Amino acid sequence: MKERREKRKRWVRRGPYAVEVEVEVVYPAGDPSEPCLEPATVRWLDEIARRAEEGDLAYLKSVGEVFRAVPG
């Protein structure tokens, strides 16, 4: 059996921003019941979180759909 890959939406929330991005998940051949992220994808999500915390809206808009928290 071969690993399976598919696109999924993931949320990155940091500071006042939440960003919805599309990532590729991998279902390993050894255990196809749970999707996994590759190390490069995890690093990219960390970069998005860092940029969200810094308020880099131009970057955030270039990678996904950006939402701002509304104070309650």
C-alpha atoms as a PDB file:
ATOM      1  CA  MET A   1       0.000   0.000   0.000  1.00  0.00           C
ATOM      2  CA  LYS A   2       1.227   3.470  -0.861  1.00  0.00           C
ATOM      3  CA  GLU A   3       0.943   6.674   1.160  1.00  0.00           C
ATOM      4  CA  ARG A   4      -1.958   8.909   0.235  1.00  0.00           C
ATOM      5  CA  ARG A   5      -1.822  12.715   0.018  1.00  0.00           C
ATOM      6  CA  GLU A   6      -4.586  15.265  -0.004  1.00  0.00           C
ATOM      7  CA  LYS A   7      -5.171  18.970   0.522  1.00  0.00           C
ATOM      8  CA  ARG A   8      -6.730  20.172   3.770  1.00  0.00           C
ATOM      9  CA  LYS A   9      -7.544  23.524   5.332  1.00  0.00           C
ATOM     10  CA  ARG A  10      -5.680  24.438   8.505  1.00  0.00           C
ATOM     11  CA  TRP A  11      -6.054  27.411  10.830  1.00  0.00           C
ATOM     12  CA  VAL A  12      -3.130  29.340  12.242  1.00  0.00           C
ATOM     13  CA  ARG A  13      -4.106  31.631  15.141  1.00  0.00           C
ATOM     14  CA  ARG A  14      -1.668  34.052  16.698  1.00  0.00           C
ATOM     15  CA  GLY A  15      -2.131  37.486  18.238  1.00  0.00           C
ATOM     16  CA  PRO A  16      -5.220  39.185  16.833  1.00  0.00           C
ATOM     17  CA  TYR A  17      -5.140  37.194  13.568  1.00  0.00           C
ATOM     18  CA  ALA A  18      -6.363  33.851  12.316  1.00  0.00           C
ATOM     19  CA  VAL A  19      -5.294  32.646   8.885  1.00  0.00           C
ATOM     20  CA  GLU A  20      -6.904  29.816   6.956  1.00  0.00           C
ATOM     21  CA  VAL A  21      -4.354  28.096   4.701  1.00  0.00           C
ATOM     22  CA  GLU A  22      -4.333  25.007   2.537  1.00  0.00           C
ATOM     23  CA  VAL A  23      -1.743  22.340   3.322  1.00  0.00           C
ATOM     24  CA  GLU A  24      -0.939  18.898   2.028  1.00  0.00           C
ATOM     25  CA  VAL A  25      -1.449  16.089   4.525  1.00  0.00           C
ATOM     26  CA  VAL A  26       0.018  12.608   4.199  1.00  0.00           C
ATOM     27  CA  TYR A  27      -1.656   9.367   5.215  1.00  0.00           C
ATOM     28  CA  PRO A  28       1.308   7.025   5.806  1.00  0.00           C
ATOM     29  CA  ALA A  29       1.144   3.542   4.326  1.00  0.00           C
ATOM     30  CA  GLY A  30       1.876   2.032   7.752  1.00  0.00           C
ATOM     31  CA  ASP A  31      -1.028   3.799   9.485  1.00  0.00           C
ATOM     32  CA  PRO A  32      -3.450   5.437   7.038  1.00  0.00           C
ATOM     33  CA  SER A  33      -5.964   6.241   9.782  1.00  0.00           C
ATOM     34  CA  GLU A  34      -4.298   9.505  10.845  1.00  0.00           C
ATOM     35  CA  PRO A  35      -3.136  12.327   8.539  1.00  0.00           C
ATOM     36  CA  CYS A  36       0.360  13.717   9.155  1.00  0.00           C
ATOM     37  CA  LEU A  37       2.175  16.893   8.212  1.00  0.00           C
ATOM     38  CA  GLU A  38       5.644  16.847   6.694  1.00  0.00           C
ATOM     39  CA  PRO A  39       8.400  18.783   8.526  1.00  0.00           C
ATOM     40  CA  ALA A  40       8.551  21.498   5.829  1.00  0.00           C
ATOM     41  CA  THR A  41       4.814  22.099   6.230  1.00  0.00           C
ATOM     42  CA  VAL A  42       5.145  22.403  10.002  1.00  0.00           C
ATOM     43  CA  ARG A  43       7.970  24.949   9.560  1.00  0.00           C
ATOM     44  CA  TRP A  44       5.795  26.913   7.107  1.00  0.00           C
ATOM     45  CA  LEU A  45       2.895  26.973   9.585  1.00  0.00           C
ATOM     46  CA  ASP A  46       5.313  28.211  12.274  1.00  0.00           C
ATOM     47  CA  GLU A  47       6.444  30.978   9.910  1.00  0.00           C
ATOM     48  CA  ILE A  48       2.829  32.005   9.346  1.00  0.00           C
ATOM     49  CA  ALA A  49       2.270  32.106  13.122  1.00  0.00           C
ATOM     50  CA  ARG A  50       5.373  34.267  13.617  1.00  0.00           C
ATOM     51  CA  ARG A  51       4.297  36.678  10.879  1.00  0.00           C
ATOM     52  CA  ALA A  52       0.772  36.853  12.321  1.00  0.00           C
ATOM     53  CA  GLU A  53       2.201  37.767  15.717  1.00  0.00           C
ATOM     54  CA  GLU A  54       4.284  40.495  14.047  1.00  0.00           C
ATOM     55  CA  GLY A  55       1.225  41.797  12.177  1.00  0.00           C
ATOM     56  CA  ASP A  56       2.657  41.190   8.674  1.00  0.00           C
ATOM     57  CA  LEU A  57      -0.689  41.451   6.866  1.00  0.00           C
ATOM     58  CA  ALA A  58       0.815  41.554   3.373  1.00  0.00           C
ATOM     59  CA  TYR A  59       2.462  38.171   3.936  1.00  0.00           C
ATOM     60  CA  LEU A  60      -0.598  36.685   5.626  1.00  0.00           C
ATOM     61  CA  LYS A  61      -2.865  37.740   2.758  1.00  0.00           C
ATOM     62  CA  SER A  62      -0.442  36.171   0.282  1.00  0.00           C
ATOM     63  CA  VAL A  63      -0.713  32.725   1.905  1.00  0.00           C
ATOM     64  CA  GLY A  64      -4.349  32.463   2.923  1.00  0.00           C
ATOM     65  CA  GLU A  65      -7.552  34.093   4.071  1.00  0.00           C
ATOM     66  CA  VAL A  66      -6.990  36.431   7.018  1.00  0.00           C
ATOM     67  CA  PHE A  67      -9.414  37.123   9.865  1.00  0.00           C
ATOM     68  CA  ARG A  68      -8.990  39.594  12.715  1.00  0.00           C
ATOM     69  CA  ALA A  69     -10.357  38.987  16.200  1.00  0.00           C
ATOM     70  CA  VAL A  70     -13.101  41.304  17.332  1.00  0.00           C
ATOM     71  CA  PRO A  71     -12.759  42.411  20.969  1.00  0.00           C
ATOM     72  CA  GLY A  72     -15.611  41.111  23.054  1.00  0.00           C
END
